[in-house]
Amino acid sequence: MIKSVLLSRLYLAHPVARLLAGMGLLIPAILSHSVFVTLFLALAGASLIRLFDGSWLAIHRLVRMLGWFVIPILLLHALLSPGQLIFPGTGFPVTREGLWHGGLLSSRLAAIFIMALVWFRLCSHSEWLGMIASVPLFGRKLLPYLLMMRPLHAEIRMRLQLIHRQYRLRRRWRDVPDLLLSACQHALSTAAPVARVLWLRWPESIDFNAGHDAKGLFNIETMAVAGFGLSTLLIFVIAGG
């Protein structure tokens, strides 16, 4: 009950205010030089995603993906960075400075990814399209590619699942390049009919002024959300990152 009330009040705020609140969370994650701050932001962002989605599925997937980045970063920095050895005389060249820098980069990477997920959840799909389309010079040129992403994602995902099943049946590494090449060819061949359908069914209902609509611009929800974003940035600047 409380969750639904909070989310309903949040989405009453103007999209630009929600965009500002997302920047207030994402910019500290990008610029922070403290492991503790980035870890706190990552945990706070994970809790917000749990609030938005009602499950930990997105975080579970993100953790699995980040493992491929975090582990090599930690190992390379710990083994290759100069500094004070943790295990001197053992032939295991792990340094305190390397672990610290590796931990900082890993925690920052996790915080950036998680806060980016939070940021994209603060606005609906149509609001994002409207705000992107309203960007001068290249907004409307970029819009068709964004609209093509969803159907292309579904088609390519089905193709990748088929390729994965084919690989599991054969278990032959030398077939992997051919399978990947066929996946790329399928993606390129799928783009043409998707673009044709998009041209024939061009969505005239998109609000190209979603980012500039004055409706809800001065309500209390907008003021609170925008104030949160500005306050977060101000605290981060005063604290020095």
Protein backbone atom coordinates (compact mmCIF):
# COMPACT_ATOMS: atom_id res chain seq x y z
CA MET A 1 0.00 0.00 0.00
CA ILE A 2 2.74 2.45 1.00
CA LYS A 3 4.77 1.45 -2.05
CA SER A 4 1.92 2.14 -4.47
CA VAL A 5 1.22 5.52 -2.84
CA LEU A 6 4.89 6.55 -3.03
CA LEU A 7 5.22 5.54 -6.68
CA SER A 8 1.95 7.22 -7.65
CA ARG A 9 3.07 10.47 -6.00
CA LEU A 10 6.48 10.20 -7.66
CA TYR A 11 5.03 9.88 -11.15
CA LEU A 12 2.85 12.94 -10.55
CA ALA A 13 6.04 15.00 -10.68
CA HIS A 14 7.07 16.57 -13.97
CA PRO A 15 9.37 14.34 -16.11
CA VAL A 16 12.13 16.96 -16.04
CA ALA A 17 12.06 16.96 -12.23
CA ARG A 18 12.38 13.16 -12.21
CA LEU A 19 15.21 13.47 -14.73
CA LEU A 20 16.95 15.90 -12.38
CA ALA A 21 16.46 13.54 -9.44
CA GLY A 22 18.06 10.75 -11.45
CA MET A 23 21.02 12.98 -12.27
CA GLY A 24 21.34 13.75 -8.57
CA LEU A 25 21.86 10.02 -7.99
CA LEU A 26 23.92 9.18 -11.08
CA ILE A 27 26.46 12.03 -11.07
CA PRO A 28 27.77 11.28 -7.53
CA ALA A 29 28.16 7.63 -8.55
CA ILE A 30 30.27 8.69 -11.54
CA LEU A 31 32.43 11.30 -9.79
CA SER A 32 32.84 9.88 -6.28
CA HIS A 33 36.36 8.95 -5.10
CA SER A 34 35.19 7.08 -2.00
CA VAL A 35 34.59 3.33 -1.85
CA PHE A 36 32.12 3.79 0.99
CA VAL A 37 30.07 6.40 -0.91
CA THR A 38 29.89 4.27 -4.06
CA LEU A 39 28.95 1.16 -2.06
CA PHE A 40 26.24 3.14 -0.26
CA LEU A 41 24.91 4.44 -3.58
CA ALA A 42 24.93 0.92 -5.04
CA LEU A 43 22.97 -0.47 -2.07
CA ALA A 44 20.54 2.47 -2.11
CA GLY A 45 20.02 2.07 -5.85
CA ALA A 46 19.41 -1.67 -5.47
CA SER A 47 16.75 -0.94 -2.84
CA LEU A 48 15.08 1.59 -5.16
CA ILE A 49 15.02 -0.92 -8.02
CA ARG A 50 13.45 -3.45 -5.64
CA LEU A 51 10.82 -0.81 -4.85
CA PHE A 52 10.13 -0.08 -8.53
CA ASP A 53 10.09 -3.68 -9.79
CA GLY A 54 8.77 -5.52 -6.77
CA SER A 55 11.53 -8.16 -7.13
CA TRP A 56 15.29 -8.58 -7.10
CA LEU A 57 15.42 -10.09 -10.62
CA ALA A 58 17.02 -7.05 -12.30
CA ILE A 59 19.67 -6.78 -9.58
CA HIS A 60 20.36 -10.51 -9.79
CA ARG A 61 20.98 -10.22 -13.53
CA LEU A 62 23.13 -7.13 -13.06
CA VAL A 63 25.28 -8.82 -10.39
CA ARG A 64 25.89 -11.77 -12.71
CA MET A 65 26.95 -9.42 -15.51
CA LEU A 66 29.11 -7.22 -13.27
CA GLY A 67 31.02 -10.26 -12.08
CA TRP A 68 32.70 -10.44 -15.48
CA PHE A 69 34.00 -6.88 -14.99
CA VAL A 70 34.58 -6.63 -11.24
CA ILE A 71 36.70 -9.78 -10.78
CA PRO A 72 39.23 -8.93 -13.55
CA ILE A 73 39.45 -5.32 -12.33
CA LEU A 74 40.21 -6.43 -8.77
CA LEU A 75 42.75 -9.06 -9.85
CA LEU A 76 44.61 -6.83 -12.31
CA HIS A 77 44.88 -3.90 -9.91
CA ALA A 78 45.79 -6.09 -6.94
CA LEU A 79 48.54 -7.93 -8.82
CA LEU A 80 49.95 -5.20 -11.06
CA SER A 81 49.70 -1.97 -9.04
CA PRO A 82 52.86 -0.87 -7.17
CA GLY A 83 52.61 -0.45 -3.43
CA GLN A 84 52.93 -2.21 -0.08
CA LEU A 85 52.76 -5.99 -0.35
CA ILE A 86 50.13 -7.71 1.76
CA PHE A 87 51.89 -11.10 1.67
CA PRO A 88 55.62 -10.29 1.44
CA GLY A 89 57.97 -13.15 0.72
CA THR A 90 55.25 -15.46 -0.56
CA GLY A 91 55.59 -14.65 -4.26
CA PHE A 92 51.98 -13.44 -4.27
CA PRO A 93 52.31 -9.76 -5.34
CA VAL A 94 49.06 -8.37 -3.97
CA THR A 95 49.36 -4.73 -2.83
CA ARG A 96 47.16 -2.68 -0.52
CA GLU A 97 47.06 0.18 -3.00
CA GLY A 98 46.07 -2.18 -5.80
CA LEU A 99 43.23 -3.65 -3.77
CA TRP A 100 42.05 -0.15 -2.83
CA HIS A 101 42.07 1.16 -6.40
CA GLY A 102 40.49 -2.03 -7.72
CA GLY A 103 37.80 -1.86 -5.05
CA LEU A 104 37.11 1.80 -5.85
CA LEU A 105 36.77 1.17 -9.59
CA SER A 106 34.62 -1.93 -9.01
CA SER A 107 32.29 -0.22 -6.55
CA ARG A 108 32.04 2.83 -8.81
CA LEU A 109 31.19 0.64 -11.80
CA ALA A 110 28.48 -1.14 -9.80
CA ALA A 111 27.05 2.15 -8.51
CA ILE A 112 26.97 3.65 -12.03
CA PHE A 113 25.16 0.66 -13.52
CA ILE A 114 22.64 0.46 -10.68
CA MET A 115 21.93 4.20 -10.61
CA ALA A 116 21.51 4.17 -14.39
CA LEU A 117 18.84 1.49 -13.95
CA VAL A 118 17.13 3.68 -11.34
CA TRP A 119 17.35 6.72 -13.64
CA PHE A 120 15.66 4.96 -16.53
CA ARG A 121 12.87 3.77 -14.24
CA LEU A 122 12.06 7.31 -13.10
CA CYS A 123 10.40 8.11 -16.44
CA SER A 124 8.10 5.99 -18.57
CA HIS A 125 9.01 4.73 -22.04
CA SER A 126 6.84 7.34 -23.77
CA GLU A 127 8.27 10.15 -21.61
CA TRP A 128 11.82 9.16 -22.53
CA LEU A 129 10.91 9.08 -26.22
CA GLY A 130 9.24 12.47 -25.98
CA MET A 131 12.19 14.06 -24.19
CA ILE A 132 14.73 12.56 -26.59
CA ALA A 133 12.67 13.70 -29.58
CA SER A 134 12.61 17.24 -28.19
CA VAL A 135 16.43 17.49 -28.06
CA PRO A 136 17.54 20.05 -30.69
CA LEU A 137 19.38 19.01 -33.87
CA PHE A 138 19.48 15.23 -33.46
CA GLY A 139 16.52 14.26 -31.23
CA ARG A 140 14.01 13.37 -33.95
CA LYS A 141 16.70 11.73 -36.09
CA LEU A 142 17.54 9.41 -33.20
CA LEU A 143 13.92 8.55 -32.43
CA PRO A 144 13.37 5.93 -35.22
CA TYR A 145 16.38 3.92 -34.00
CA LEU A 146 15.04 3.97 -30.46
CA LEU A 147 11.64 2.77 -31.63
CA MET A 148 13.30 -0.07 -33.53
CA MET A 149 15.18 -1.31 -30.49
CA ARG A 150 12.28 -3.10 -28.81
CA PRO A 151 11.16 -5.31 -31.77
CA LEU A 152 14.79 -5.92 -32.74
CA HIS A 153 15.60 -6.93 -29.18
CA ALA A 154 12.82 -9.52 -29.20
CA GLU A 155 13.90 -10.97 -32.56
CA ILE A 156 17.60 -11.08 -31.70
CA ARG A 157 16.92 -12.57 -28.28
CA MET A 158 14.99 -15.44 -29.85
CA ARG A 159 17.83 -15.99 -32.31
CA LEU A 160 20.45 -16.03 -29.55
CA GLN A 161 18.42 -18.55 -27.57
CA LEU A 162 18.29 -20.79 -30.65
CA ILE A 163 22.06 -20.45 -31.15
CA HIS A 164 22.64 -21.29 -27.49
CA ARG A 165 20.56 -24.45 -27.82
CA GLN A 166 22.47 -25.43 -30.96
CA TYR A 167 25.78 -24.96 -29.18
CA ARG A 168 24.67 -27.01 -26.17
CA LEU A 169 23.72 -29.89 -28.47
CA ARG A 170 27.13 -29.98 -30.20
CA ARG A 171 29.55 -28.50 -27.66
CA ARG A 172 32.05 -27.70 -30.39
CA TRP A 173 34.10 -24.54 -29.92
CA ARG A 174 35.04 -24.31 -33.57
CA ASP A 175 31.36 -23.81 -34.43
CA VAL A 176 31.11 -20.69 -32.24
CA PRO A 177 32.43 -18.21 -34.89
CA ASP A 178 29.94 -19.53 -37.45
CA LEU A 179 27.10 -19.29 -34.95
CA LEU A 180 28.04 -15.71 -34.03
CA LEU A 181 28.35 -14.76 -37.70
CA SER A 182 24.89 -16.17 -38.41
CA ALA A 183 23.53 -14.17 -35.44
CA CYS A 184 25.00 -10.94 -36.87
CA GLN A 185 23.62 -11.71 -40.32
CA HIS A 186 20.20 -12.41 -38.81
CA ALA A 187 20.27 -9.10 -36.91
CA LEU A 188 21.12 -7.15 -40.06
CA SER A 189 18.49 -8.94 -42.14
CA THR A 190 15.86 -8.37 -39.43
CA ALA A 191 16.47 -4.61 -39.29
CA ALA A 192 15.10 -3.96 -42.80
CA PRO A 193 11.57 -5.40 -42.27
CA VAL A 194 11.39 -3.82 -38.81
CA ALA A 195 12.25 -0.42 -40.30
CA ARG A 196 9.65 -0.95 -43.03
CA VAL A 197 6.92 -1.74 -40.49
CA LEU A 198 7.92 1.29 -38.43
CA TRP A 199 7.66 3.50 -41.52
CA LEU A 200 4.18 2.18 -42.35
CA ARG A 201 2.96 2.46 -38.76
CA TRP A 202 4.72 5.62 -37.66
CA PRO A 203 3.44 6.40 -34.15
CA GLU A 204 1.76 9.76 -34.44
CA SER A 205 0.66 9.52 -30.81
CA ILE A 206 4.16 10.22 -29.43
CA ASP A 207 4.21 13.40 -27.38
CA PHE A 208 7.21 15.27 -28.79
CA ASN A 209 6.81 17.91 -26.08
CA ALA A 210 6.84 15.52 -23.12
CA GLY A 211 9.95 17.15 -21.70
CA HIS A 212 8.51 20.68 -21.98
CA ASP A 213 4.86 20.19 -21.04
CA ALA A 214 3.88 22.76 -18.42
CA LYS A 215 1.33 20.40 -16.83
CA GLY A 216 2.46 19.49 -13.33
CA LEU A 217 5.46 21.79 -13.54
CA PHE A 218 4.73 23.60 -10.28
CA ASN A 219 2.95 20.99 -8.15
CA ILE A 220 4.32 19.86 -4.79
CA GLU A 221 5.54 16.52 -6.15
CA THR A 222 7.64 18.28 -8.79
CA MET A 223 9.14 20.63 -6.23
CA ALA A 224 9.96 17.76 -3.86
CA VAL A 225 11.55 15.54 -6.52
CA ALA A 226 13.55 18.38 -8.08
CA GLY A 227 14.62 19.53 -4.61
CA PHE A 228 15.84 16.02 -3.84
CA GLY A 229 17.99 15.96 -6.98
CA LEU A 230 19.47 19.41 -6.35
CA SER A 231 20.06 18.68 -2.65
CA THR A 232 21.88 15.44 -3.46
CA LEU A 233 24.18 17.22 -5.91
CA LEU A 234 24.77 20.07 -3.44
CA ILE A 235 25.65 17.70 -0.59
CA PHE A 236 28.02 15.80 -2.86
CA VAL A 237 29.78 19.02 -3.93
CA ILE A 238 30.06 20.32 -0.35
CA ALA A 239 31.37 16.98 0.91
CA GLY A 240 33.99 16.99 -1.84
CA GLY A 241 33.01 13.63 -3.39
